[in-house]
Amino acid sequence: MADKTGLPDIALESLGGRVLSIGDTRPVPAKVRISIFGLPILSEPSPPPETIIRYGVEPGKCWSFQGSSGNVTLQLMKPAVITGIHLEHIHKALDPYGILGSAPKEFQIWVRVTSG
């Protein structure tokens, strides 16, 4: 995000970045808002994995998944020489509850080089 780093975000969805796969990562199920006799009538879907490559950091509008680890495969907008990675999450002071237990603590980057 050039506004924070001075560099373009070549993974950004609006610039052509894509989520190719989440592997065996299990997304958090939809939140049931209204149910009658135990049957869900109105539910709110969880944000999709594409959320991680969309502009914005609104509290609660993040890609959540079950368990303590997940995977995502991204396609960048164009071939690139990667010189740095920028991972963002809202600051604890901006969270209405002040609890960021699900914020990323460790991450790994794996790169697949393709010819073309």
PDB file of N, CA and C in Angstrom:
ATOM      1  N   MET A   1       0.847  -1.165   0.000  1.00  0.00           N
ATOM      2  CA  MET A   1       0.000   0.000   0.000  1.00  0.00           C
ATOM      3  C   MET A   1       0.892   1.228   0.000  1.00  0.00           C
ATOM      4  N   ALA A   2       0.956   1.881  -1.127  1.00  0.00           N
ATOM      5  CA  ALA A   2       1.880   2.991  -1.328  1.00  0.00           C
ATOM      6  C   ALA A   2       1.696   4.107  -0.315  1.00  0.00           C
ATOM      7  N   ASP A   3       0.496   4.246   0.221  1.00  0.00           N
ATOM      8  CA  ASP A   3       0.266   5.312   1.186  1.00  0.00           C
ATOM      9  C   ASP A   3       1.022   5.093   2.500  1.00  0.00           C
ATOM     10  N   LYS A   4       1.424   3.869   2.781  1.00  0.00           N
ATOM     11  CA  LYS A   4       2.138   3.571   4.027  1.00  0.00           C
ATOM     12  C   LYS A   4       3.592   3.195   3.802  1.00  0.00           C
ATOM     13  N   THR A   5       3.881   2.539   2.699  1.00  0.00           N
ATOM     14  CA  THR A   5       5.240   2.039   2.470  1.00  0.00           C
ATOM     15  C   THR A   5       5.993   2.788   1.381  1.00  0.00           C
ATOM     16  N   GLY A   6       5.275   3.510   0.537  1.00  0.00           N
ATOM     17  CA  GLY A   6       5.905   4.175  -0.594  1.00  0.00           C
ATOM     18  C   GLY A   6       6.096   3.251  -1.776  1.00  0.00           C
ATOM     19  N   LEU A   7       5.558   2.026  -1.679  1.00  0.00           N
ATOM     20  CA  LEU A   7       5.683   1.041  -2.753  1.00  0.00           C
ATOM     21  C   LEU A   7       4.299   0.556  -3.176  1.00  0.00           C
ATOM     22  N   PRO A   8       4.134   0.164  -4.445  1.00  0.00           N
ATOM     23  CA  PRO A   8       2.837  -0.364  -4.872  1.00  0.00           C
ATOM     24  C   PRO A   8       2.577  -1.734  -4.252  1.00  0.00           C
ATOM     25  N   ASP A   9       1.315  -2.060  -4.041  1.00  0.00           N
ATOM     26  CA  ASP A   9       0.920  -3.360  -3.507  1.00  0.00           C
ATOM     27  C   ASP A   9       0.580  -4.266  -4.684  1.00  0.00           C
ATOM     28  N   ILE A  10       1.531  -5.073  -5.120  1.00  0.00           N
ATOM     29  CA  ILE A  10       1.340  -5.893  -6.323  1.00  0.00           C
ATOM     30  C   ILE A  10       0.477  -7.129  -6.074  1.00  0.00           C
ATOM     31  N   ALA A  11       0.047  -7.340  -4.816  1.00  0.00           N
ATOM     32  CA  ALA A  11      -0.884  -8.424  -4.526  1.00  0.00           C
ATOM     33  C   ALA A  11      -2.317  -7.921  -4.438  1.00  0.00           C
ATOM     34  N   LEU A  12      -2.535  -6.614  -4.452  1.00  0.00           N
ATOM     35  CA  LEU A  12      -3.855  -6.024  -4.269  1.00  0.00           C
ATOM     36  C   LEU A  12      -4.841  -6.522  -5.333  1.00  0.00           C
ATOM     37  N   GLU A  13      -6.007  -6.961  -4.897  1.00  0.00           N
ATOM     38  CA  GLU A  13      -7.011  -7.511  -5.811  1.00  0.00           C
ATOM     39  C   GLU A  13      -7.431  -6.495  -6.878  1.00  0.00           C
ATOM     40  N   SER A  14      -7.614  -5.256  -6.491  1.00  0.00           N
ATOM     41  CA  SER A  14      -8.065  -4.246  -7.455  1.00  0.00           C
ATOM     42  C   SER A  14      -7.021  -3.942  -8.525  1.00  0.00           C
ATOM     43  N   LEU A  15      -5.787  -4.383  -8.328  1.00  0.00           N
ATOM     44  CA  LEU A  15      -4.737  -4.201  -9.329  1.00  0.00           C
ATOM     45  C   LEU A  15      -4.456  -5.484 -10.107  1.00  0.00           C
ATOM     46  N   GLY A  16      -5.195  -6.555  -9.805  1.00  0.00           N
ATOM     47  CA  GLY A  16      -5.023  -7.796 -10.554  1.00  0.00           C
ATOM     48  C   GLY A  16      -4.516  -8.971  -9.745  1.00  0.00           C
ATOM     49  N   GLY A  17      -4.228  -8.776  -8.463  1.00  0.00           N
ATOM     50  CA  GLY A  17      -3.834  -9.894  -7.612  1.00  0.00           C
ATOM     51  C   GLY A  17      -5.006 -10.841  -7.417  1.00  0.00           C
ATOM     52  N   ARG A  18      -4.706 -12.114  -7.195  1.00  0.00           N
ATOM     53  CA  ARG A  18      -5.770 -13.116  -7.026  1.00  0.00           C
ATOM     54  C   ARG A  18      -5.419 -14.117  -5.953  1.00  0.00           C
ATOM     55  N   VAL A  19      -6.440 -14.609  -5.251  1.00  0.00           N
ATOM     56  CA  VAL A  19      -6.276 -15.753  -4.363  1.00  0.00           C
ATOM     57  C   VAL A  19      -6.480 -16.986  -5.222  1.00  0.00           C
ATOM     58  N   LEU A  20      -5.459 -17.838  -5.299  1.00  0.00           N
ATOM     59  CA  LEU A  20      -5.559 -19.050  -6.108  1.00  0.00           C
ATOM     60  C   LEU A  20      -6.059 -20.241  -5.304  1.00  0.00           C
ATOM     61  N   SER A  21      -5.690 -20.292  -4.023  1.00  0.00           N
ATOM     62  CA  SER A  21      -6.047 -21.455  -3.213  1.00  0.00           C
ATOM     63  C   SER A  21      -5.894 -21.123  -1.730  1.00  0.00           C
ATOM     64  N   ILE A  22      -6.670 -21.815  -0.916  1.00  0.00           N
ATOM     65  CA  ILE A  22      -6.457 -21.761   0.534  1.00  0.00           C
ATOM     66  C   ILE A  22      -6.096 -23.151   1.054  1.00  0.00           C
ATOM     67  N   GLY A  23      -5.804 -24.070   0.140  1.00  0.00           N
ATOM     68  CA  GLY A  23      -5.402 -25.419   0.532  1.00  0.00           C
ATOM     69  C   GLY A  23      -6.459 -26.078   1.396  1.00  0.00           C
ATOM     70  N   ASP A  24      -6.025 -26.691   2.507  1.00  0.00           N
ATOM     71  CA  ASP A  24      -6.966 -27.366   3.402  1.00  0.00           C
ATOM     72  C   ASP A  24      -7.398 -26.471   4.568  1.00  0.00           C
ATOM     73  N   THR A  25      -7.181 -25.170   4.457  1.00  0.00           N
ATOM     74  CA  THR A  25      -7.579 -24.227   5.493  1.00  0.00           C
ATOM     75  C   THR A  25      -9.106 -24.203   5.586  1.00  0.00           C
ATOM     76  N   ARG A  26      -9.616 -24.309   6.817  1.00  0.00           N
ATOM     77  CA  ARG A  26     -11.071 -24.326   7.028  1.00  0.00           C
ATOM     78  C   ARG A  26     -11.550 -22.943   7.458  1.00  0.00           C
ATOM     79  N   PRO A  27     -12.337 -22.265   6.615  1.00  0.00           N
ATOM     80  CA  PRO A  27     -12.859 -20.946   6.983  1.00  0.00           C
ATOM     81  C   PRO A  27     -13.800 -21.030   8.184  1.00  0.00           C
ATOM     82  N   VAL A  28     -13.931 -19.927   8.896  1.00  0.00           N
ATOM     83  CA  VAL A  28     -14.888 -19.841   9.994  1.00  0.00           C
ATOM     84  C   VAL A  28     -16.287 -19.879   9.383  1.00  0.00           C
ATOM     85  N   PRO A  29     -17.206 -20.683   9.965  1.00  0.00           N
ATOM     86  CA  PRO A  29     -18.564 -20.754   9.406  1.00  0.00           C
ATOM     87  C   PRO A  29     -19.311 -19.426   9.513  1.00  0.00           C
ATOM     88  N   ALA A  30     -20.352 -19.293   8.716  1.00  0.00           N
ATOM     89  CA  ALA A  30     -21.199 -18.096   8.743  1.00  0.00           C
ATOM     90  C   ALA A  30     -21.810 -17.921  10.131  1.00  0.00           C
ATOM     91  N   LYS A  31     -22.044 -16.668  10.522  1.00  0.00           N
ATOM     92  CA  LYS A  31     -22.677 -16.360  11.806  1.00  0.00           C
ATOM     93  C   LYS A  31     -24.184 -16.342  11.608  1.00  0.00           C
ATOM     94  N   VAL A  32     -24.894 -17.140  12.400  1.00  0.00           N
ATOM     95  CA  VAL A  32     -26.354 -17.163  12.322  1.00  0.00           C
ATOM     96  C   VAL A  32     -26.889 -15.975  13.105  1.00  0.00           C
ATOM     97  N   ARG A  33     -27.675 -15.143  12.457  1.00  0.00           N
ATOM     98  CA  ARG A  33     -28.255 -13.946  13.080  1.00  0.00           C
ATOM     99  C   ARG A  33     -29.662 -14.213  13.597  1.00  0.00           C
ATOM    100  N   ILE A  34     -30.477 -14.959  12.829  1.00  0.00           N
ATOM    101  CA  ILE A  34     -31.848 -15.264  13.223  1.00  0.00           C
ATOM    102  C   ILE A  34     -32.112 -16.739  12.921  1.00  0.00           C
ATOM    103  N   SER A  35     -32.702 -17.426  13.900  1.00  0.00           N
ATOM    104  CA  SER A  35     -33.087 -18.813  13.659  1.00  0.00           C
ATOM    105  C   SER A  35     -34.477 -19.046  14.250  1.00  0.00           C
ATOM    106  N   ILE A  36     -35.198 -19.960  13.653  1.00  0.00           N
ATOM    107  CA  ILE A  36     -36.516 -20.344  14.139  1.00  0.00           C
ATOM    108  C   ILE A  36     -36.506 -21.857  14.330  1.00  0.00           C
ATOM    109  N   PHE A  37     -36.826 -22.279  15.543  1.00  0.00           N
ATOM    110  CA  PHE A  37     -36.803 -23.698  15.906  1.00  0.00           C
ATOM    111  C   PHE A  37     -35.451 -24.343  15.577  1.00  0.00           C
ATOM    112  N   GLY A  38     -34.393 -23.587  15.768  1.00  0.00           N
ATOM    113  CA  GLY A  38     -33.052 -24.101  15.538  1.00  0.00           C
ATOM    114  C   GLY A  38     -32.600 -24.098  14.091  1.00  0.00           C
ATOM    115  N   LEU A  39     -33.456 -23.650  13.182  1.00  0.00           N
ATOM    116  CA  LEU A  39     -33.076 -23.588  11.772  1.00  0.00           C
ATOM    117  C   LEU A  39     -32.641 -22.170  11.413  1.00  0.00           C
ATOM    118  N   PRO A  40     -31.466 -22.013  10.836  1.00  0.00           N
ATOM    119  CA  PRO A  40     -30.996 -20.664  10.486  1.00  0.00           C
ATOM    120  C   PRO A  40     -31.858 -20.033   9.401  1.00  0.00           C
ATOM    121  N   ILE A  41     -32.324 -18.828   9.655  1.00  0.00           N
ATOM    122  CA  ILE A  41     -33.137 -18.087   8.698  1.00  0.00           C
ATOM    123  C   ILE A  41     -32.310 -16.978   8.055  1.00  0.00           C
ATOM    124  N   LEU A  42     -31.515 -16.304   8.862  1.00  0.00           N
ATOM    125  CA  LEU A  42     -30.672 -15.214   8.373  1.00  0.00           C
ATOM    126  C   LEU A  42     -29.268 -15.412   8.924  1.00  0.00           C
ATOM    127  N   SER A  43     -28.299 -15.494   8.035  1.00  0.00           N
ATOM    128  CA  SER A  43     -26.915 -15.656   8.482  1.00  0.00           C
ATOM    129  C   SER A  43     -26.016 -14.663   7.750  1.00  0.00           C
ATOM    130  N   GLU A  44     -24.905 -14.382   8.380  1.00  0.00           N
ATOM    131  CA  GLU A  44     -23.921 -13.460   7.814  1.00  0.00           C
ATOM    132  C   GLU A  44     -22.682 -14.260   7.451  1.00  0.00           C
ATOM    133  N   PRO A  45     -22.355 -14.337   6.152  1.00  0.00           N
ATOM    134  CA  PRO A  45     -21.181 -15.119   5.764  1.00  0.00           C
ATOM    135  C   PRO A  45     -19.893 -14.500   6.298  1.00  0.00           C
ATOM    136  N   SER A  46     -18.932 -15.340   6.547  1.00  0.00           N
ATOM    137  CA  SER A  46     -17.616 -14.859   6.962  1.00  0.00           C
ATOM    138  C   SER A  46     -16.930 -14.211   5.763  1.00  0.00           C
ATOM    139  N   PRO A  47     -16.108 -13.192   5.996  1.00  0.00           N
ATOM    140  CA  PRO A  47     -15.383 -12.585   4.871  1.00  0.00           C
ATOM    141  C   PRO A  47     -14.533 -13.632   4.140  1.00  0.00           C
ATOM    142  N   PRO A  48     -14.465 -13.560   2.812  1.00  0.00           N
ATOM    143  CA  PRO A  48     -13.710 -14.536   2.028  1.00  0.00           C
ATOM    144  C   PRO A  48     -12.202 -14.294   2.119  1.00  0.00           C
ATOM    145  N   PRO A  49     -11.395 -15.267   1.683  1.00  0.00           N
ATOM    146  CA  PRO A  49      -9.944 -15.095   1.720  1.00  0.00           C
ATOM    147  C   PRO A  49      -9.460 -13.888   0.921  1.00  0.00           C
ATOM    148  N   GLU A  50     -10.205 -13.485  -0.111  1.00  0.00           N
ATOM    149  CA  GLU A  50      -9.813 -12.320  -0.909  1.00  0.00           C
ATOM    150  C   GLU A  50      -9.722 -11.052  -0.065  1.00  0.00           C
ATOM    151  N   THR A  51     -10.313 -11.069   1.108  1.00  0.00           N
ATOM    152  CA  THR A  51     -10.256  -9.927   2.018  1.00  0.00           C
ATOM    153  C   THR A  51      -8.808  -9.529   2.312  1.00  0.00           C
ATOM    154  N   ILE A  52      -7.896 -10.495   2.318  1.00  0.00           N
ATOM    155  CA  ILE A  52      -6.501 -10.184   2.672  1.00  0.00           C
ATOM    156  C   ILE A  52      -5.777  -9.387   1.592  1.00  0.00           C
ATOM    157  N   ILE A  53      -6.350  -9.346   0.380  1.00  0.00           N
ATOM    158  CA  ILE A  53      -5.704  -8.558  -0.679  1.00  0.00           C
ATOM    159  C   ILE A  53      -6.598  -7.413  -1.158  1.00  0.00           C
ATOM    160  N   ARG A  54      -7.528  -7.025  -0.291  1.00  0.00           N
ATOM    161  CA  ARG A  54      -8.385  -5.872  -0.573  1.00  0.00           C
ATOM    162  C   ARG A  54      -7.950  -4.715   0.302  1.00  0.00           C
ATOM    163  N   TYR A  55      -8.146  -3.506  -0.191  1.00  0.00           N
ATOM    164  CA  TYR A  55      -7.771  -2.313   0.553  1.00  0.00           C
ATOM    165  C   TYR A  55      -8.688  -2.158   1.758  1.00  0.00           C
ATOM    166  N   GLY A  56      -8.118  -1.821   2.903  1.00  0.00           N
ATOM    167  CA  GLY A  56      -8.910  -1.529   4.092  1.00  0.00           C
ATOM    168  C   GLY A  56      -8.539  -2.407   5.269  1.00  0.00           C
ATOM    169  N   VAL A  57      -8.684  -1.864   6.442  1.00  0.00           N
ATOM    170  CA  VAL A  57      -8.411  -2.603   7.681  1.00  0.00           C
ATOM    171  C   VAL A  57      -9.504  -2.271   8.707  1.00  0.00           C
ATOM    172  N   GLU A  58     -10.722  -2.616   8.381  1.00  0.00           N
ATOM    173  CA  GLU A  58     -11.846  -2.359   9.265  1.00  0.00           C
ATOM    174  C   GLU A  58     -11.935  -3.484  10.300  1.00  0.00           C
ATOM    175  N   PRO A  59     -12.083  -3.150  11.584  1.00  0.00           N
ATOM    176  CA  PRO A  59     -12.169  -4.190  12.624  1.00  0.00           C
ATOM    177  C   PRO A  59     -13.265  -5.212  12.322  1.00  0.00           C
ATOM    178  N   GLY A  60     -12.919  -6.482  12.434  1.00  0.00           N
ATOM    179  CA  GLY A  60     -13.874  -7.557  12.205  1.00  0.00           C
ATOM    180  C   GLY A  60     -14.072  -7.935  10.751  1.00  0.00           C
ATOM    181  N   LYS A  61     -13.515  -7.186   9.830  1.00  0.00           N
ATOM    182  CA  LYS A  61     -13.659  -7.472   8.400  1.00  0.00           C
ATOM    183  C   LYS A  61     -12.374  -8.104   7.882  1.00  0.00           C
ATOM    184  N   CYS A  62     -12.057  -9.273   8.452  1.00  0.00           N
ATOM    185  CA  CYS A  62     -10.827  -9.954   8.066  1.00  0.00           C
ATOM    186  C   CYS A  62     -11.152 -11.399   7.711  1.00  0.00           C
ATOM    187  N   TRP A  63     -10.215 -12.044   7.053  1.00  0.00           N
ATOM    188  CA  TRP A  63     -10.388 -13.446   6.705  1.00  0.00           C
ATOM    189  C   TRP A  63     -10.028 -14.275   7.932  1.00  0.00           C
ATOM    190  N   SER A  64     -10.997 -14.974   8.462  1.00  0.00           N
ATOM    191  CA  SER A  64     -10.782 -15.815   9.640  1.00  0.00           C
ATOM    192  C   SER A  64     -10.859 -17.272   9.238  1.00  0.00           C
ATOM    193  N   PHE A  65     -10.093 -18.087   9.933  1.00  0.00           N
ATOM    194  CA  PHE A  65     -10.146 -19.517   9.667  1.00  0.00           C
ATOM    195  C   PHE A  65     -10.022 -20.272  10.976  1.00  0.00           C
ATOM    196  N   GLN A  66     -10.453 -21.517  10.943  1.00  0.00           N
ATOM    197  CA  GLN A  66     -10.428 -22.356  12.133  1.00  0.00           C
ATOM    198  C   GLN A  66      -9.016 -22.862  12.384  1.00  0.00           C
ATOM    199  N   GLY A  67      -8.686 -23.054  13.636  1.00  0.00           N
ATOM    200  CA  GLY A  67      -7.375 -23.580  14.000  1.00  0.00           C
ATOM    201  C   GLY A  67      -6.345 -22.486  14.151  1.00  0.00           C
ATOM    202  N   SER A  68      -5.109 -22.905  14.341  1.00  0.00           N
ATOM    203  CA  SER A  68      -4.032 -21.950  14.618  1.00  0.00           C
ATOM    204  C   SER A  68      -3.138 -21.665  13.417  1.00  0.00           C
ATOM    205  N   SER A  69      -3.412 -22.316  12.279  1.00  0.00           N
ATOM    206  CA  SER A  69      -2.609 -22.024  11.092  1.00  0.00           C
ATOM    207  C   SER A  69      -3.467 -22.178   9.844  1.00  0.00           C
ATOM    208  N   GLY A  70      -3.080 -21.446   8.806  1.00  0.00           N
ATOM    209  CA  GLY A  70      -3.793 -21.502   7.542  1.00  0.00           C
ATOM    210  C   GLY A  70      -2.845 -21.241   6.395  1.00  0.00           C
ATOM    211  N   ASN A  71      -3.301 -21.514   5.205  1.00  0.00           N
ATOM    212  CA  ASN A  71      -2.488 -21.331   4.007  1.00  0.00           C
ATOM    213  C   ASN A  71      -3.262 -20.548   2.964  1.00  0.00           C
ATOM    214  N   VAL A  72      -2.550 -19.765   2.207  1.00  0.00           N
ATOM    215  CA  VAL A  72      -3.160 -19.070   1.080  1.00  0.00           C
ATOM    216  C   VAL A  72      -2.108 -18.950  -0.017  1.00  0.00           C
ATOM    217  N   THR A  73      -2.538 -19.191  -1.254  1.00  0.00           N
ATOM    218  CA  THR A  73      -1.658 -19.043  -2.410  1.00  0.00           C
ATOM    219  C   THR A  73      -2.164 -17.849  -3.208  1.00  0.00           C
ATOM    220  N   LEU A  74      -1.282 -16.894  -3.442  1.00  0.00           N
ATOM    221  CA  LEU A  74      -1.626 -15.682  -4.171  1.00  0.00           C
ATOM    222  C   LEU A  74      -0.942 -15.651  -5.529  1.00  0.00           C
ATOM    223  N   GLN A  75      -1.610 -15.031  -6.475  1.00  0.00           N
ATOM    224  CA  GLN A  75      -0.993 -14.708  -7.759  1.00  0.00           C
ATOM    225  C   GLN A  75      -0.862 -13.191  -7.788  1.00  0.00           C
ATOM    226  N   LEU A  76       0.332 -12.717  -8.016  1.00  0.00           N
ATOM    227  CA  LEU A  76       0.569 -11.283  -8.061  1.00  0.00           C
ATOM    228  C   LEU A  76       0.078 -10.696  -9.374  1.00  0.00           C
ATOM    229  N   MET A  77      -0.059  -9.387  -9.420  1.00  0.00           N
ATOM    230  CA  MET A  77      -0.573  -8.721 -10.620  1.00  0.00           C
ATOM    231  C   MET A  77       0.351  -8.886 -11.819  1.00  0.00           C
ATOM    232  N   LYS A  78       1.645  -9.103 -11.558  1.00  0.00           N
ATOM    233  CA  LYS A  78       2.619  -9.275 -12.633  1.00  0.00           C
ATOM    234  C   LYS A  78       3.864  -9.930 -12.044  1.00  0.00           C
ATOM    235  N   PRO A  79       4.721 -10.490 -12.877  1.00  0.00           N
ATOM    236  CA  PRO A  79       5.977 -11.038 -12.357  1.00  0.00           C
ATOM    237  C   PRO A  79       6.761  -9.938 -11.635  1.00  0.00           C
ATOM    238  N   ALA A  80       7.428 -10.317 -10.562  1.00  0.00           N
ATOM    239  CA  ALA A  80       8.105  -9.304  -9.757  1.00  0.00           C
ATOM    240  C   ALA A  80       9.311  -9.875  -9.035  1.00  0.00           C
ATOM    241  N   VAL A  81      10.246  -9.010  -8.730  1.00  0.00           N
ATOM    242  CA  VAL A  81      11.354  -9.338  -7.845  1.00  0.00           C
ATOM    243  C   VAL A  81      10.918  -8.867  -6.464  1.00  0.00           C
ATOM    244  N   ILE A  82      10.736  -9.791  -5.550  1.00  0.00           N
ATOM    245  CA  ILE A  82      10.244  -9.460  -4.209  1.00  0.00           C
ATOM    246  C   ILE A  82      11.424  -9.034  -3.342  1.00  0.00           C
ATOM    247  N   THR A  83      11.348  -7.824  -2.845  1.00  0.00           N
ATOM    248  CA  THR A  83      12.411  -7.304  -1.976  1.00  0.00           C
ATOM    249  C   THR A  83      11.926  -7.103  -0.547  1.00  0.00           C
ATOM    250  N   GLY A  84      10.629  -7.261  -0.326  1.00  0.00           N
ATOM    251  CA  GLY A  84      10.089  -7.111   1.019  1.00  0.00           C
ATOM    252  C   GLY A  84       8.627  -7.518   1.061  1.00  0.00           C
ATOM    253  N   ILE A  85       8.171  -7.848   2.246  1.00  0.00           N
ATOM    254  CA  ILE A  85       6.777  -8.237   2.488  1.00  0.00           C
ATOM    255  C   ILE A  85       6.238  -7.331   3.583  1.00  0.00           C
ATOM    256  N   HIS A  86       5.006  -6.874   3.418  1.00  0.00           N
ATOM    257  CA  HIS A  86       4.371  -6.007   4.411  1.00  0.00           C
ATOM    258  C   HIS A  86       3.086  -6.684   4.868  1.00  0.00           C
ATOM    259  N   LEU A  87       3.015  -7.052   6.134  1.00  0.00           N
ATOM    260  CA  LEU A  87       1.829  -7.685   6.708  1.00  0.00           C
ATOM    261  C   LEU A  87       1.176  -6.684   7.639  1.00  0.00           C
ATOM    262  N   GLU A  88      -0.124  -6.460   7.453  1.00  0.00           N
ATOM    263  CA  GLU A  88      -0.829  -5.470   8.274  1.00  0.00           C
ATOM    264  C   GLU A  88      -1.935  -6.107   9.092  1.00  0.00           C
ATOM    265  N   HIS A  89      -2.186  -5.526  10.244  1.00  0.00           N
ATOM    266  CA  HIS A  89      -3.317  -5.880  11.090  1.00  0.00           C
ATOM    267  C   HIS A  89      -3.654  -4.636  11.889  1.00  0.00           C
ATOM    268  N   ILE A  90      -4.914  -4.467  12.255  1.00  0.00           N
ATOM    269  CA  ILE A  90      -5.253  -3.273  13.018  1.00  0.00           C
ATOM    270  C   ILE A  90      -4.502  -3.255  14.347  1.00  0.00           C
ATOM    271  N   HIS A  91      -4.247  -2.080  14.849  1.00  0.00           N
ATOM    272  CA  HIS A  91      -3.575  -1.905  16.135  1.00  0.00           C
ATOM    273  C   HIS A  91      -4.545  -2.244  17.252  1.00  0.00           C
ATOM    274  N   LYS A  92      -4.019  -2.761  18.333  1.00  0.00           N
ATOM    275  CA  LYS A  92      -4.838  -3.139  19.487  1.00  0.00           C
ATOM    276  C   LYS A  92      -5.717  -1.985  19.967  1.00  0.00           C
ATOM    277  N   ALA A  93      -5.220  -0.757  19.893  1.00  0.00           N
ATOM    278  CA  ALA A  93      -5.984   0.408  20.351  1.00  0.00           C
ATOM    279  C   ALA A  93      -7.218   0.662  19.490  1.00  0.00           C
ATOM    280  N   LEU A  94      -7.244   0.152  18.250  1.00  0.00           N
ATOM    281  CA  LEU A  94      -8.378   0.356  17.360  1.00  0.00           C
ATOM    282  C   LEU A  94      -9.425  -0.740  17.456  1.00  0.00           C
ATOM    283  N   ASP A  95      -9.088  -1.822  18.150  1.00  0.00           N
ATOM    284  CA  ASP A  95     -10.031  -2.914  18.332  1.00  0.00           C
ATOM    285  C   ASP A  95     -11.011  -2.527  19.436  1.00  0.00           C
ATOM    286  N   PRO A  96     -12.324  -2.604  19.176  1.00  0.00           N
ATOM    287  CA  PRO A  96     -13.294  -2.178  20.185  1.00  0.00           C
ATOM    288  C   PRO A  96     -13.172  -2.932  21.507  1.00  0.00           C
ATOM    289  N   TYR A  97     -12.667  -4.166  21.461  1.00  0.00           N
ATOM    290  CA  TYR A  97     -12.531  -4.967  22.677  1.00  0.00           C
ATOM    291  C   TYR A  97     -11.100  -4.996  23.207  1.00  0.00           C
ATOM    292  N   GLY A  98     -10.160  -4.487  22.416  1.00  0.00           N
ATOM    293  CA  GLY A  98      -8.764  -4.471  22.839  1.00  0.00           C
ATOM    294  C   GLY A  98      -8.131  -5.840  22.918  1.00  0.00           C
ATOM    295  N   ILE A  99      -8.691  -6.797  22.203  1.00  0.00           N
ATOM    296  CA  ILE A  99      -8.188  -8.175  22.226  1.00  0.00           C
ATOM    297  C   ILE A  99      -7.835  -8.583  20.798  1.00  0.00           C
ATOM    298  N   LEU A 100      -6.603  -8.918  20.584  1.00  0.00           N
ATOM    299  CA  LEU A 100      -6.185  -9.334  19.237  1.00  0.00           C
ATOM    300  C   LEU A 100      -5.565 -10.730  19.272  1.00  0.00           C
ATOM    301  N   GLY A 101      -6.204 -11.630  19.981  1.00  0.00           N
ATOM    302  CA  GLY A 101      -5.681 -12.987  20.100  1.00  0.00           C
ATOM    303  C   GLY A 101      -5.544 -13.711  18.778  1.00  0.00           C
ATOM    304  N   SER A 102      -6.337 -13.326  17.785  1.00  0.00           N
ATOM    305  CA  SER A 102      -6.275 -14.022  16.501  1.00  0.00           C
ATOM    306  C   SER A 102      -5.363 -13.322  15.492  1.00  0.00           C
ATOM    307  N   ALA A 103      -4.721 -12.243  15.898  1.00  0.00           N
ATOM    308  CA  ALA A 103      -3.815 -11.541  14.984  1.00  0.00           C
ATOM    309  C   ALA A 103      -2.627 -12.439  14.628  1.00  0.00           C
ATOM    310  N   PRO A 104      -2.140 -12.354  13.388  1.00  0.00           N
ATOM    311  CA  PRO A 104      -0.986 -13.180  12.997  1.00  0.00           C
ATOM    312  C   PRO A 104       0.229 -12.891  13.881  1.00  0.00           C
ATOM    313  N   LYS A 105       0.859 -13.956  14.334  1.00  0.00           N
ATOM    314  CA  LYS A 105       2.047 -13.820  15.174  1.00  0.00           C
ATOM    315  C   LYS A 105       3.299 -14.321  14.453  1.00  0.00           C
ATOM    316  N   GLU A 106       3.125 -15.317  13.637  1.00  0.00           N
ATOM    317  CA  GLU A 106       4.224 -15.878  12.848  1.00  0.00           C
ATOM    318  C   GLU A 106       3.684 -16.156  11.448  1.00  0.00           C
ATOM    319  N   PHE A 107       4.529 -15.946  10.456  1.00  0.00           N
ATOM    320  CA  PHE A 107       4.113 -16.311   9.110  1.00  0.00           C
ATOM    321  C   PHE A 107       5.340 -16.665   8.295  1.00  0.00           C
ATOM    322  N   GLN A 108       5.109 -17.461   7.256  1.00  0.00           N
ATOM    323  CA  GLN A 108       6.162 -17.873   6.350  1.00  0.00           C
ATOM    324  C   GLN A 108       5.748 -17.497   4.934  1.00  0.00           C
ATOM    325  N   ILE A 109       6.720 -17.163   4.148  1.00  0.00           N
ATOM    326  CA  ILE A 109       6.488 -16.864   2.728  1.00  0.00           C
ATOM    327  C   ILE A 109       7.203 -17.926   1.916  1.00  0.00           C
ATOM    328  N   TRP A 110       6.480 -18.565   1.035  1.00  0.00           N
ATOM    329  CA  TRP A 110       7.054 -19.536   0.105  1.00  0.00           C
ATOM    330  C   TRP A 110       6.835 -18.972  -1.281  1.00  0.00           C
ATOM    331  N   VAL A 111       7.863 -19.010  -2.097  1.00  0.00           N
ATOM    332  CA  VAL A 111       7.782 -18.460  -3.438  1.00  0.00           C
ATOM    333  C   VAL A 111       7.951 -19.572  -4.447  1.00  0.00           C
ATOM    334  N   ARG A 112       7.071 -19.586  -5.436  1.00  0.00           N
ATOM    335  CA  ARG A 112       7.198 -20.529  -6.539  1.00  0.00           C
ATOM    336  C   ARG A 112       7.590 -19.724  -7.751  1.00  0.00           C
ATOM    337  N   VAL A 113       8.708 -20.039  -8.307  1.00  0.00           N
ATOM    338  CA  VAL A 113       9.193 -19.341  -9.486  1.00  0.00           C
ATOM    339  C   VAL A 113       8.702 -20.072 -10.731  1.00  0.00           C
ATOM    340  N   THR A 114       8.053 -19.325 -11.605  1.00  0.00           N
ATOM    341  CA  THR A 114       7.588 -19.914 -12.852  1.00  0.00           C
ATOM    342  C   THR A 114       8.293 -19.210 -14.005  1.00  0.00           C
ATOM    343  N   SER A 115       8.557 -19.968 -15.032  1.00  0.00           N
ATOM    344  CA  SER A 115       9.192 -19.349 -16.205  1.00  0.00           C
ATOM    345  C   SER A 115       8.085 -18.896 -17.147  1.00  0.00           C
ATOM    346  N   GLY A 116       8.367 -17.907 -17.912  1.00  0.00           N
ATOM    347  CA  GLY A 116       7.330 -17.466 -18.820  1.00  0.00           C
ATOM    348  C   GLY A 116       7.625 -16.145 -19.291  1.00  0.00           C
TER     349      GLY A 116
END
